[in-house]
Amino acid sequence: MRHDYRISEMDLGGGASPVLRGHFLYNESMKKHVSWRAGGAAQRVYVPADLEDLTWLVRSVPAREDIHMVGLGSNLLVRDGGVTGVVILLHGVLKKLAIESRTHGMPPAPEGIETALIYVQAGVASPKLARFAANHDLVGGEFWASIPGTIGGAIAMNAGCYGSETWDKLVQVQTLDRQGHLNERLPDEYVTGYRHVALKHAQQEWFIGGWFRLARGDGAASREMIRELLKKRIAAQPLQLPNAGSVFRNPPGDYAARLIEICGLKGYRIGGAQVSDKHANFIVNLGNASATDIERLIEHVEGSVEARTNVRLIREVRIIGERQ
């Protein structure tokens, strides 16, 4: 169901009551909003009209309610019991992608290297940024073509592959805090690492966009590299079945897939969920998997690998909601 929604004075804590320009969906199945194509319903889903509308919505949600920002849902599992609070869908809404001319407040470019800045909002798919950069003769962002989520998610988890990471290219981020205020922050305000990003002075914020600095170079060569990386990804990953990409981080000096494989777990199933027989760090939905099947399989893999190798795998995927 779609509805226009007027925030009440009670919701706002008094004062004016703006009309939001986006729309709510109620008891919305999250299966179509996550790449695993499994899971329960969200109590309320909001699709904002634009960034200004998003800030009004966040400002208006009572502090007691959870807010979940979702891009393409490519590293997310919603439990079968569903999720309360408000889920906000950003893909296709926060979609600005442009060469940025501003220099004020930005770190200086490296000497002797001609560069350009790209501003990209959180709802833009990572592969789109890779292609945009290459088409503007900017190099170094080819790896984003192999990341199946949005830039908001890539920033939030420092997504990367093939030796490159998102925060290697970031010079500034734009965030939205729980009070509905927009902020611009520099990388030195964060602790970043392998698949890890945290604000040094912790508070609840979401990444809304970022400015990336890329070197000028050979766009044709960049586009060819993108094609080769995509071929490599297709050959190595089970893309024909619903999945959430790599389920676990690689342990230092090792690979999660190798550890899972030596435990004999390739092809192991619980219900409709299976450890991929093509890439052991992927769990695929064979067509009828529940979120419970997937979560139980994640837990089984964790327990088996730790018992056999004494390595505790750390999840890349997020799990939210209530167990059924």
C-alpha atoms as a PDB file:
ATOM      1  CA  MET A   1       0.000   0.000   0.000  1.00  0.00           C
ATOM      2  CA  ARG A   2       1.220   3.505  -0.825  1.00  0.00           C
ATOM      3  CA  HIS A   3       0.160   6.480   1.238  1.00  0.00           C
ATOM      4  CA  ASP A   4       1.022  10.144   1.562  1.00  0.00           C
ATOM      5  CA  TYR A   5       1.913  10.646   5.183  1.00  0.00           C
ATOM      6  CA  ARG A   6       1.588  13.723   7.380  1.00  0.00           C
ATOM      7  CA  ILE A   7       3.852  13.612  10.418  1.00  0.00           C
ATOM      8  CA  SER A   8       1.746  14.400  13.454  1.00  0.00           C
ATOM      9  CA  GLU A   9       2.713  16.937  16.081  1.00  0.00           C
ATOM     10  CA  MET A  10       2.943  14.054  18.523  1.00  0.00           C
ATOM     11  CA  ASP A  11       5.528  12.343  16.294  1.00  0.00           C
ATOM     12  CA  LEU A  12       7.470  15.576  15.966  1.00  0.00           C
ATOM     13  CA  GLY A  13       7.234  16.411  19.626  1.00  0.00           C
ATOM     14  CA  GLY A  14       5.120  19.471  18.807  1.00  0.00           C
ATOM     15  CA  GLY A  15       5.503  22.284  16.325  1.00  0.00           C
ATOM     16  CA  ALA A  16       4.881  22.258  12.594  1.00  0.00           C
ATOM     17  CA  SER A  17       3.834  19.056  10.848  1.00  0.00           C
ATOM     18  CA  PRO A  18       5.311  18.871   7.341  1.00  0.00           C
ATOM     19  CA  VAL A  19       3.849  16.727   4.598  1.00  0.00           C
ATOM     20  CA  LEU A  20       6.433  14.236   3.438  1.00  0.00           C
ATOM     21  CA  ARG A  21       6.707  13.986  -0.337  1.00  0.00           C
ATOM     22  CA  GLY A  22       7.799  10.367  -0.483  1.00  0.00           C
ATOM     23  CA  HIS A  23       5.587   7.410   0.282  1.00  0.00           C
ATOM     24  CA  PHE A  24       5.215   4.672   2.889  1.00  0.00           C
ATOM     25  CA  LEU A  25       4.698   0.982   2.288  1.00  0.00           C
ATOM     26  CA  TYR A  26       3.206  -0.972   5.183  1.00  0.00           C
ATOM     27  CA  ASN A  27       3.968  -4.604   6.094  1.00  0.00           C
ATOM     28  CA  GLU A  28       6.187  -4.707   3.033  1.00  0.00           C
ATOM     29  CA  SER A  29       7.903  -8.010   2.239  1.00  0.00           C
ATOM     30  CA  MET A  30      11.646  -7.422   2.244  1.00  0.00           C
ATOM     31  CA  LYS A  31      12.296 -10.358  -0.086  1.00  0.00           C
ATOM     32  CA  LYS A  32      12.264  -8.084  -3.110  1.00  0.00           C
ATOM     33  CA  HIS A  33      14.511  -5.526  -1.417  1.00  0.00           C
ATOM     34  CA  VAL A  34      17.391  -7.845  -0.452  1.00  0.00           C
ATOM     35  CA  SER A  35      19.578  -9.799  -2.840  1.00  0.00           C
ATOM     36  CA  TRP A  36      19.040 -13.112  -0.973  1.00  0.00           C
ATOM     37  CA  ARG A  37      15.343 -12.894  -1.942  1.00  0.00           C
ATOM     38  CA  ALA A  38      14.365 -14.250   1.481  1.00  0.00           C
ATOM     39  CA  GLY A  39      13.110 -12.914   4.774  1.00  0.00           C
ATOM     40  CA  GLY A  40      10.213 -11.281   6.556  1.00  0.00           C
ATOM     41  CA  ALA A  41       8.264  -8.067   6.258  1.00  0.00           C
ATOM     42  CA  ALA A  42       9.096  -4.541   7.371  1.00  0.00           C
ATOM     43  CA  GLN A  43       6.534  -2.800   9.528  1.00  0.00           C
ATOM     44  CA  ARG A  44       7.042   0.445   7.589  1.00  0.00           C
ATOM     45  CA  VAL A  45       9.144   1.148   4.510  1.00  0.00           C
ATOM     46  CA  TYR A  46       9.683   4.707   3.321  1.00  0.00           C
ATOM     47  CA  VAL A  47      10.783   5.750  -0.147  1.00  0.00           C
ATOM     48  CA  PRO A  48      11.917   9.388   0.112  1.00  0.00           C
ATOM     49  CA  ALA A  49      11.354  11.857  -2.687  1.00  0.00           C
ATOM     50  CA  ASP A  50      14.856  13.315  -2.413  1.00  0.00           C
ATOM     51  CA  LEU A  51      17.533  14.208   0.127  1.00  0.00           C
ATOM     52  CA  GLU A  52      15.545  17.047   1.698  1.00  0.00           C
ATOM     53  CA  ASP A  53      12.561  14.756   2.154  1.00  0.00           C
ATOM     54  CA  LEU A  54      14.833  12.138   3.730  1.00  0.00           C
ATOM     55  CA  THR A  55      16.123  14.633   6.289  1.00  0.00           C
ATOM     56  CA  TRP A  56      12.531  15.505   7.265  1.00  0.00           C
ATOM     57  CA  LEU A  57      11.653  11.854   7.701  1.00  0.00           C
ATOM     58  CA  VAL A  58      14.684  11.077   9.880  1.00  0.00           C
ATOM     59  CA  ARG A  59      14.082  14.189  11.977  1.00  0.00           C
ATOM     60  CA  SER A  60      10.495  13.097  12.527  1.00  0.00           C
ATOM     61  CA  VAL A  61      10.937   9.459  13.555  1.00  0.00           C
ATOM     62  CA  PRO A  62      10.680   9.136  17.354  1.00  0.00           C
ATOM     63  CA  ALA A  63      13.966   8.278  19.065  1.00  0.00           C
ATOM     64  CA  ARG A  64      12.463   5.030  20.393  1.00  0.00           C
ATOM     65  CA  GLU A  65      12.066   3.678  16.851  1.00  0.00           C
ATOM     66  CA  ASP A  66      14.849   2.089  14.833  1.00  0.00           C
ATOM     67  CA  ILE A  67      15.801   3.402  11.411  1.00  0.00           C
ATOM     68  CA  HIS A  68      17.347   1.068   8.827  1.00  0.00           C
ATOM     69  CA  MET A  69      18.863   2.529   5.655  1.00  0.00           C
ATOM     70  CA  VAL A  70      18.861   0.062   2.745  1.00  0.00           C
ATOM     71  CA  GLY A  71      20.423   0.383  -0.682  1.00  0.00           C
ATOM     72  CA  LEU A  72      20.289  -2.711  -2.874  1.00  0.00           C
ATOM     73  CA  GLY A  73      20.179  -5.027   0.152  1.00  0.00           C
ATOM     74  CA  SER A  74      23.203  -6.903  -1.151  1.00  0.00           C
ATOM     75  CA  ASN A  75      24.684  -7.676   2.268  1.00  0.00           C
ATOM     76  CA  LEU A  76      21.498  -7.762   4.329  1.00  0.00           C
ATOM     77  CA  LEU A  77      19.249 -10.473   5.740  1.00  0.00           C
ATOM     78  CA  VAL A  78      15.894  -9.641   7.324  1.00  0.00           C
ATOM     79  CA  ARG A  79      14.774 -12.390   9.702  1.00  0.00           C
ATOM     80  CA  ASP A  80      11.486 -14.162   9.023  1.00  0.00           C
ATOM     81  CA  GLY A  81       9.816 -12.505  12.021  1.00  0.00           C
ATOM     82  CA  GLY A  82      10.167  -9.175  10.255  1.00  0.00           C
ATOM     83  CA  VAL A  83      11.632  -5.851  11.280  1.00  0.00           C
ATOM     84  CA  THR A  84      10.057  -3.024  13.267  1.00  0.00           C
ATOM     85  CA  GLY A  85      10.763   0.677  13.010  1.00  0.00           C
ATOM     86  CA  VAL A  86      11.263   2.328   9.637  1.00  0.00           C
ATOM     87  CA  VAL A  87      13.207   0.918   6.684  1.00  0.00           C
ATOM     88  CA  ILE A  88      14.298   3.635   4.247  1.00  0.00           C
ATOM     89  CA  LEU A  89      15.079   2.696   0.642  1.00  0.00           C
ATOM     90  CA  LEU A  90      17.828   4.827  -0.912  1.00  0.00           C
ATOM     91  CA  HIS A  91      18.520   3.152  -4.255  1.00  0.00           C
ATOM     92  CA  GLY A  92      17.161   5.195  -7.134  1.00  0.00           C
ATOM     93  CA  VAL A  93      16.467   8.116  -4.783  1.00  0.00           C
ATOM     94  CA  LEU A  94      19.888   9.409  -3.750  1.00  0.00           C
ATOM     95  CA  LYS A  95      21.216   9.134  -7.286  1.00  0.00           C
ATOM     96  CA  LYS A  96      23.338  12.204  -7.969  1.00  0.00           C
ATOM     97  CA  LEU A  97      26.621  11.389  -9.721  1.00  0.00           C
ATOM     98  CA  ALA A  98      28.740  14.225 -11.101  1.00  0.00           C
ATOM     99  CA  ILE A  99      32.215  15.608 -11.635  1.00  0.00           C
ATOM    100  CA  GLU A 100      32.729  18.052  -8.762  1.00  0.00           C
ATOM    101  CA  SER A 101      34.444  21.375  -9.266  1.00  0.00           C
ATOM    102  CA  ARG A 102      34.597  22.461  -5.613  1.00  0.00           C
ATOM    103  CA  THR A 103      37.945  22.606  -3.860  1.00  0.00           C
ATOM    104  CA  HIS A 104      37.085  24.469  -0.659  1.00  0.00           C
ATOM    105  CA  GLY A 105      37.446  22.231   2.372  1.00  0.00           C
ATOM    106  CA  MET A 106      38.889  19.384   0.328  1.00  0.00           C
ATOM    107  CA  PRO A 107      42.319  17.851   0.977  1.00  0.00           C
ATOM    108  CA  PRO A 108      44.828  18.929  -1.700  1.00  0.00           C
ATOM    109  CA  ALA A 109      45.498  16.665  -4.662  1.00  0.00           C
ATOM    110  CA  PRO A 110      48.842  14.803  -4.766  1.00  0.00           C
ATOM    111  CA  GLU A 111      51.548  16.841  -6.474  1.00  0.00           C
ATOM    112  CA  GLY A 112      52.391  15.928 -10.038  1.00  0.00           C
ATOM    113  CA  ILE A 113      49.203  13.923 -10.608  1.00  0.00           C
ATOM    114  CA  GLU A 114      46.233  15.303 -12.508  1.00  0.00           C
ATOM    115  CA  THR A 115      43.043  14.300 -10.735  1.00  0.00           C
ATOM    116  CA  ALA A 116      39.339  15.043 -10.579  1.00  0.00           C
ATOM    117  CA  LEU A 117      36.675  14.773  -7.900  1.00  0.00           C
ATOM    118  CA  ILE A 118      33.465  12.792  -8.290  1.00  0.00           C
ATOM    119  CA  TYR A 119      30.529  13.425  -5.991  1.00  0.00           C
ATOM    120  CA  VAL A 120      28.245  10.417  -5.681  1.00  0.00           C
ATOM    121  CA  GLN A 121      25.201   9.908  -3.487  1.00  0.00           C
ATOM    122  CA  ALA A 122      24.577   6.792  -1.434  1.00  0.00           C
ATOM    123  CA  GLY A 123      21.853   5.291  -3.624  1.00  0.00           C
ATOM    124  CA  VAL A 124      24.049   4.986  -6.733  1.00  0.00           C
ATOM    125  CA  ALA A 125      25.054   1.417  -7.593  1.00  0.00           C
ATOM    126  CA  SER A 126      28.795   0.862  -7.285  1.00  0.00           C
ATOM    127  CA  PRO A 127      29.180  -0.499 -10.848  1.00  0.00           C
ATOM    128  CA  LYS A 128      27.587   2.698 -12.180  1.00  0.00           C
ATOM    129  CA  LEU A 129      30.298   4.766 -10.479  1.00  0.00           C
ATOM    130  CA  ALA A 130      32.995   2.559 -12.038  1.00  0.00           C
ATOM    131  CA  ARG A 131      31.570   3.075 -15.520  1.00  0.00           C
ATOM    132  CA  PHE A 132      31.027   6.812 -14.987  1.00  0.00           C
ATOM    133  CA  ALA A 133      34.649   7.287 -13.949  1.00  0.00           C
ATOM    134  CA  ALA A 134      36.004   5.324 -16.901  1.00  0.00           C
ATOM    135  CA  ASN A 135      33.792   7.229 -19.334  1.00  0.00           C
ATOM    136  CA  HIS A 136      35.310  10.458 -17.999  1.00  0.00           C
ATOM    137  CA  ASP A 137      38.875   9.153 -18.397  1.00  0.00           C
ATOM    138  CA  LEU A 138      39.361   8.694 -14.659  1.00  0.00           C
ATOM    139  CA  VAL A 139      41.148   5.574 -13.473  1.00  0.00           C
ATOM    140  CA  GLY A 140      41.473   3.620 -10.260  1.00  0.00           C
ATOM    141  CA  GLY A 141      37.781   2.951  -9.633  1.00  0.00           C
ATOM    142  CA  GLU A 142      37.436  -0.121 -11.837  1.00  0.00           C
ATOM    143  CA  PHE A 143      37.044  -2.441  -8.814  1.00  0.00           C
ATOM    144  CA  TRP A 144      33.642  -0.907  -7.999  1.00  0.00           C
ATOM    145  CA  ALA A 145      32.251  -2.718 -11.045  1.00  0.00           C
ATOM    146  CA  SER A 146      32.566  -5.978  -9.082  1.00  0.00           C
ATOM    147  CA  ILE A 147      30.793  -4.735  -5.950  1.00  0.00           C
ATOM    148  CA  PRO A 148      27.067  -5.572  -6.189  1.00  0.00           C
ATOM    149  CA  GLY A 149      25.699  -2.882  -3.867  1.00  0.00           C
ATOM    150  CA  THR A 150      25.355   0.871  -3.586  1.00  0.00           C
ATOM    151  CA  ILE A 151      28.029   3.418  -2.787  1.00  0.00           C
ATOM    152  CA  GLY A 152      26.404   4.058   0.589  1.00  0.00           C
ATOM    153  CA  GLY A 153      27.033   0.435   1.529  1.00  0.00           C
ATOM    154  CA  ALA A 154      30.509   0.473  -0.011  1.00  0.00           C
ATOM    155  CA  ILE A 155      31.453   3.474   2.135  1.00  0.00           C
ATOM    156  CA  ALA A 156      29.872   2.019   5.271  1.00  0.00           C
ATOM    157  CA  MET A 157      31.845  -1.229   5.090  1.00  0.00           C
ATOM    158  CA  ASN A 158      34.913  -0.088   3.134  1.00  0.00           C
ATOM    159  CA  ALA A 159      34.004  -2.501   0.373  1.00  0.00           C
ATOM    160  CA  GLY A 160      36.754  -3.599  -1.941  1.00  0.00           C
ATOM    161  CA  CYS A 161      38.206  -6.332  -4.108  1.00  0.00           C
ATOM    162  CA  TYR A 162      41.202  -7.093  -6.304  1.00  0.00           C
ATOM    163  CA  GLY A 163      43.531  -5.103  -4.058  1.00  0.00           C
ATOM    164  CA  SER A 164      41.520  -1.860  -3.859  1.00  0.00           C
ATOM    165  CA  GLU A 165      39.210  -0.473  -1.165  1.00  0.00           C
ATOM    166  CA  THR A 166      36.599   2.284  -1.211  1.00  0.00           C
ATOM    167  CA  TRP A 167      38.236   4.471   1.431  1.00  0.00           C
ATOM    168  CA  ASP A 168      41.482   4.533  -0.578  1.00  0.00           C
ATOM    169  CA  LYS A 169      39.696   6.941  -2.949  1.00  0.00           C
ATOM    170  CA  LEU A 170      37.511   8.932  -0.532  1.00  0.00           C
ATOM    171  CA  VAL A 171      38.456  12.491   0.385  1.00  0.00           C
ATOM    172  CA  GLN A 172      35.253  13.534   2.159  1.00  0.00           C
ATOM    173  CA  VAL A 173      31.911  12.027   3.131  1.00  0.00           C
ATOM    174  CA  GLN A 174      28.454  13.436   3.639  1.00  0.00           C
ATOM    175  CA  THR A 175      26.412  12.018   6.510  1.00  0.00           C
ATOM    176  CA  LEU A 176      22.951  12.384   7.991  1.00  0.00           C
ATOM    177  CA  ASP A 177      22.610  12.169  11.768  1.00  0.00           C
ATOM    178  CA  ARG A 178      19.644  11.036  13.824  1.00  0.00           C
ATOM    179  CA  GLN A 179      18.575  14.640  14.364  1.00  0.00           C
ATOM    180  CA  GLY A 180      18.184  15.067  10.590  1.00  0.00           C
ATOM    181  CA  HIS A 181      21.258  17.262  10.131  1.00  0.00           C
ATOM    182  CA  LEU A 182      23.637  16.899   7.206  1.00  0.00           C
ATOM    183  CA  ASN A 183      27.366  16.842   7.974  1.00  0.00           C
ATOM    184  CA  GLU A 184      30.544  16.765   5.907  1.00  0.00           C
ATOM    185  CA  ARG A 185      33.408  14.799   7.414  1.00  0.00           C
ATOM    186  CA  LEU A 186      37.020  14.042   6.492  1.00  0.00           C
ATOM    187  CA  PRO A 187      38.550  10.557   6.566  1.00  0.00           C
ATOM    188  CA  ASP A 188      40.660  11.333   9.631  1.00  0.00           C
ATOM    189  CA  GLU A 189      37.435  11.497  11.666  1.00  0.00           C
ATOM    190  CA  TYR A 190      37.055   7.742  11.152  1.00  0.00           C
ATOM    191  CA  VAL A 191      38.841   4.540  12.044  1.00  0.00           C
ATOM    192  CA  THR A 192      38.922   2.474   8.859  1.00  0.00           C
ATOM    193  CA  GLY A 193      40.287  -0.942   8.047  1.00  0.00           C
ATOM    194  CA  TYR A 194      39.469  -4.121   6.192  1.00  0.00           C
ATOM    195  CA  ARG A 195      35.650  -4.136   5.868  1.00  0.00           C
ATOM    196  CA  HIS A 196      35.449  -1.804   8.857  1.00  0.00           C
ATOM    197  CA  VAL A 197      34.498   1.870   9.288  1.00  0.00           C
ATOM    198  CA  ALA A 198      33.709   3.628  12.559  1.00  0.00           C
ATOM    199  CA  LEU A 199      33.373   7.271  13.547  1.00  0.00           C
ATOM    200  CA  LYS A 200      35.966   8.066  16.220  1.00  0.00           C
ATOM    201  CA  HIS A 201      33.399   9.958  18.279  1.00  0.00           C
ATOM    202  CA  ALA A 202      30.533   7.511  18.036  1.00  0.00           C
ATOM    203  CA  GLN A 203      27.062   8.738  17.212  1.00  0.00           C
ATOM    204  CA  GLN A 204      24.332   7.446  14.942  1.00  0.00           C
ATOM    205  CA  GLU A 205      24.888   8.671  11.394  1.00  0.00           C
ATOM    206  CA  TRP A 206      24.336   7.298   7.924  1.00  0.00           C
ATOM    207  CA  PHE A 207      26.450   7.891   4.834  1.00  0.00           C
ATOM    208  CA  ILE A 208      24.529   9.970   2.302  1.00  0.00           C
ATOM    209  CA  GLY A 209      27.304  10.557  -0.228  1.00  0.00           C
ATOM    210  CA  GLY A 210      30.999  10.993  -0.778  1.00  0.00           C
ATOM    211  CA  TRP A 211      33.641  12.780  -2.790  1.00  0.00           C
ATOM    212  CA  PHE A 212      36.171  10.531  -4.512  1.00  0.00           C
ATOM    213  CA  ARG A 213      39.468  11.647  -6.020  1.00  0.00           C
ATOM    214  CA  LEU A 214      40.623   9.681  -9.053  1.00  0.00           C
ATOM    215  CA  ALA A 215      43.587  10.183 -11.358  1.00  0.00           C
ATOM    216  CA  ARG A 216      43.112  11.127 -14.995  1.00  0.00           C
ATOM    217  CA  GLY A 217      44.176   8.424 -17.380  1.00  0.00           C
ATOM    218  CA  ASP A 218      43.211   6.142 -20.223  1.00  0.00           C
ATOM    219  CA  GLY A 219      39.442   5.683 -20.189  1.00  0.00           C
ATOM    220  CA  ALA A 220      39.487   2.987 -22.859  1.00  0.00           C
ATOM    221  CA  ALA A 221      41.974   0.925 -20.842  1.00  0.00           C
ATOM    222  CA  SER A 222      39.826   1.439 -17.744  1.00  0.00           C
ATOM    223  CA  ARG A 223      36.717   0.193 -19.544  1.00  0.00           C
ATOM    224  CA  GLU A 224      38.631  -2.866 -20.751  1.00  0.00           C
ATOM    225  CA  MET A 225      39.763  -3.563 -17.188  1.00  0.00           C
ATOM    226  CA  ILE A 226      36.146  -3.370 -16.028  1.00  0.00           C
ATOM    227  CA  ARG A 227      35.148  -5.921 -18.654  1.00  0.00           C
ATOM    228  CA  GLU A 228      37.941  -8.269 -17.526  1.00  0.00           C
ATOM    229  CA  LEU A 229      37.034  -7.926 -13.857  1.00  0.00           C
ATOM    230  CA  LEU A 230      33.401  -8.715 -14.621  1.00  0.00           C
ATOM    231  CA  LYS A 231      34.431 -11.820 -16.591  1.00  0.00           C
ATOM    232  CA  LYS A 232      36.529 -12.899 -13.622  1.00  0.00           C
ATOM    233  CA  ARG A 233      33.624 -12.350 -11.255  1.00  0.00           C
ATOM    234  CA  ILE A 234      31.186 -14.292 -13.441  1.00  0.00           C
ATOM    235  CA  ALA A 235      33.629 -17.202 -13.657  1.00  0.00           C
ATOM    236  CA  ALA A 236      34.276 -17.362  -9.909  1.00  0.00           C
ATOM    237  CA  GLN A 237      30.944 -16.519  -8.269  1.00  0.00           C
ATOM    238  CA  PRO A 238      27.466 -18.153  -8.290  1.00  0.00           C
ATOM    239  CA  LEU A 239      25.684 -15.164  -9.774  1.00  0.00           C
ATOM    240  CA  GLN A 240      22.861 -17.247 -11.243  1.00  0.00           C
ATOM    241  CA  LEU A 241      21.357 -17.778  -7.773  1.00  0.00           C
ATOM    242  CA  PRO A 242      20.259 -15.208  -5.144  1.00  0.00           C
ATOM    243  CA  ASN A 243      23.142 -14.471  -2.794  1.00  0.00           C
ATOM    244  CA  ALA A 244      24.627 -11.688  -0.685  1.00  0.00           C
ATOM    245  CA  GLY A 245      28.196 -11.795  -1.913  1.00  0.00           C
ATOM    246  CA  SER A 246      30.922 -12.851   0.493  1.00  0.00           C
ATOM    247  CA  VAL A 247      29.330 -13.864   3.783  1.00  0.00           C
ATOM    248  CA  PHE A 248      32.526 -13.671   5.856  1.00  0.00           C
ATOM    249  CA  ARG A 249      35.592 -11.445   5.950  1.00  0.00           C
ATOM    250  CA  ASN A 250      38.868 -13.053   5.017  1.00  0.00           C
ATOM    251  CA  PRO A 251      40.932 -13.743   8.154  1.00  0.00           C
ATOM    252  CA  PRO A 252      44.405 -12.153   8.221  1.00  0.00           C
ATOM    253  CA  GLY A 253      46.689 -14.009   5.820  1.00  0.00           C
ATOM    254  CA  ASP A 254      44.012 -16.471   4.746  1.00  0.00           C
ATOM    255  CA  TYR A 255      40.735 -16.830   2.860  1.00  0.00           C
ATOM    256  CA  ALA A 256      37.369 -17.610   4.381  1.00  0.00           C
ATOM    257  CA  ALA A 257      36.471 -19.703   1.325  1.00  0.00           C
ATOM    258  CA  ARG A 258      39.540 -21.919   1.827  1.00  0.00           C
ATOM    259  CA  LEU A 259      38.706 -22.542   5.484  1.00  0.00           C
ATOM    260  CA  ILE A 260      35.089 -23.360   4.673  1.00  0.00           C
ATOM    261  CA  GLU A 261      36.148 -25.705   1.885  1.00  0.00           C
ATOM    262  CA  ILE A 262      38.652 -27.684   3.986  1.00  0.00           C
ATOM    263  CA  CYS A 263      35.825 -28.273   6.457  1.00  0.00           C
ATOM    264  CA  GLY A 264      33.966 -30.114   3.690  1.00  0.00           C
ATOM    265  CA  LEU A 265      31.124 -27.589   3.626  1.00  0.00           C
ATOM    266  CA  LYS A 266      30.902 -26.844  -0.090  1.00  0.00           C
ATOM    267  CA  GLY A 267      27.387 -27.827  -1.127  1.00  0.00           C
ATOM    268  CA  TYR A 268      26.178 -28.209   2.458  1.00  0.00           C
ATOM    269  CA  ARG A 269      22.459 -27.394   2.764  1.00  0.00           C
ATOM    270  CA  ILE A 270      19.972 -26.383   5.386  1.00  0.00           C
ATOM    271  CA  GLY A 271      16.501 -26.171   3.890  1.00  0.00           C
ATOM    272  CA  GLY A 272      16.691 -24.055   0.752  1.00  0.00           C
ATOM    273  CA  ALA A 273      20.026 -22.453   1.664  1.00  0.00           C
ATOM    274  CA  GLN A 274      23.306 -23.901   0.406  1.00  0.00           C
ATOM    275  CA  VAL A 275      27.007 -23.180   0.713  1.00  0.00           C
ATOM    276  CA  SER A 276      27.807 -22.572  -2.932  1.00  0.00           C
ATOM    277  CA  ASP A 277      29.671 -25.389  -4.638  1.00  0.00           C
ATOM    278  CA  LYS A 278      31.257 -22.731  -6.874  1.00  0.00           C
ATOM    279  CA  HIS A 279      32.579 -20.359  -4.174  1.00  0.00           C
ATOM    280  CA  ALA A 280      32.525 -21.531  -0.562  1.00  0.00           C
ATOM    281  CA  ASN A 281      32.217 -18.019   0.917  1.00  0.00           C
ATOM    282  CA  PHE A 282      28.833 -17.598  -0.771  1.00  0.00           C
ATOM    283  CA  ILE A 283      25.539 -18.892   0.574  1.00  0.00           C
ATOM    284  CA  VAL A 284      22.901 -19.184  -2.133  1.00  0.00           C
ATOM    285  CA  ASN A 285      19.137 -19.389  -2.096  1.00  0.00           C
ATOM    286  CA  LEU A 286      18.178 -22.442  -4.137  1.00  0.00           C
ATOM    287  CA  GLY A 287      14.714 -20.992  -4.621  1.00  0.00           C
ATOM    288  CA  ASN A 288      12.765 -21.534  -1.427  1.00  0.00           C
ATOM    289  CA  ALA A 289      15.173 -20.619   1.353  1.00  0.00           C
ATOM    290  CA  SER A 290      13.850 -18.844   4.409  1.00  0.00           C
ATOM    291  CA  ALA A 291      15.893 -16.296   6.294  1.00  0.00           C
ATOM    292  CA  THR A 292      16.008 -18.867   9.112  1.00  0.00           C
ATOM    293  CA  ASP A 293      17.595 -21.424   6.754  1.00  0.00           C
ATOM    294  CA  ILE A 294      20.254 -18.892   5.752  1.00  0.00           C
ATOM    295  CA  GLU A 295      21.009 -17.767   9.308  1.00  0.00           C
ATOM    296  CA  ARG A 296      21.231 -21.351  10.581  1.00  0.00           C
ATOM    297  CA  LEU A 297      23.630 -22.168   7.754  1.00  0.00           C
ATOM    298  CA  ILE A 298      25.781 -19.124   8.587  1.00  0.00           C
ATOM    299  CA  GLU A 299      25.930 -20.273  12.216  1.00  0.00           C
ATOM    300  CA  HIS A 300      26.760 -23.841  11.183  1.00  0.00           C
ATOM    301  CA  VAL A 301      29.639 -22.655   8.996  1.00  0.00           C
ATOM    302  CA  GLU A 302      30.975 -20.455  11.803  1.00  0.00           C
ATOM    303  CA  GLY A 303      30.854 -23.284  14.315  1.00  0.00           C
ATOM    304  CA  SER A 304      32.367 -25.871  11.982  1.00  0.00           C
ATOM    305  CA  VAL A 305      35.267 -23.661  10.897  1.00  0.00           C
ATOM    306  CA  GLU A 306      36.078 -22.650  14.466  1.00  0.00           C
ATOM    307  CA  ALA A 307      35.972 -26.265  15.691  1.00  0.00           C
ATOM    308  CA  ARG A 308      38.212 -27.483  12.869  1.00  0.00           C
ATOM    309  CA  THR A 309      40.667 -24.567  12.475  1.00  0.00           C
ATOM    310  CA  ASN A 310      40.309 -22.502  15.681  1.00  0.00           C
ATOM    311  CA  VAL A 311      39.477 -19.457  13.491  1.00  0.00           C
ATOM    312  CA  ARG A 312      36.329 -17.504  14.298  1.00  0.00           C
ATOM    313  CA  LEU A 313      34.959 -16.109  11.056  1.00  0.00           C
ATOM    314  CA  ILE A 314      33.617 -12.549  11.121  1.00  0.00           C
ATOM    315  CA  ARG A 315      30.488 -11.810   9.116  1.00  0.00           C
ATOM    316  CA  GLU A 316      30.358  -9.252   6.343  1.00  0.00           C
ATOM    317  CA  VAL A 317      26.572  -9.505   6.112  1.00  0.00           C
ATOM    318  CA  ARG A 318      24.163  -7.742   8.443  1.00  0.00           C
ATOM    319  CA  ILE A 319      21.200  -9.535   9.998  1.00  0.00           C
ATOM    320  CA  ILE A 320      18.283  -7.513  11.366  1.00  0.00           C
ATOM    321  CA  GLY A 321      14.802  -8.217  12.625  1.00  0.00           C
ATOM    322  CA  GLU A 322      13.095 -10.775  14.827  1.00  0.00           C
ATOM    323  CA  ARG A 323      13.369 -14.530  14.747  1.00  0.00           C
ATOM    324  CA  GLN A 324      10.138 -16.257  13.853  1.00  0.00           C
END
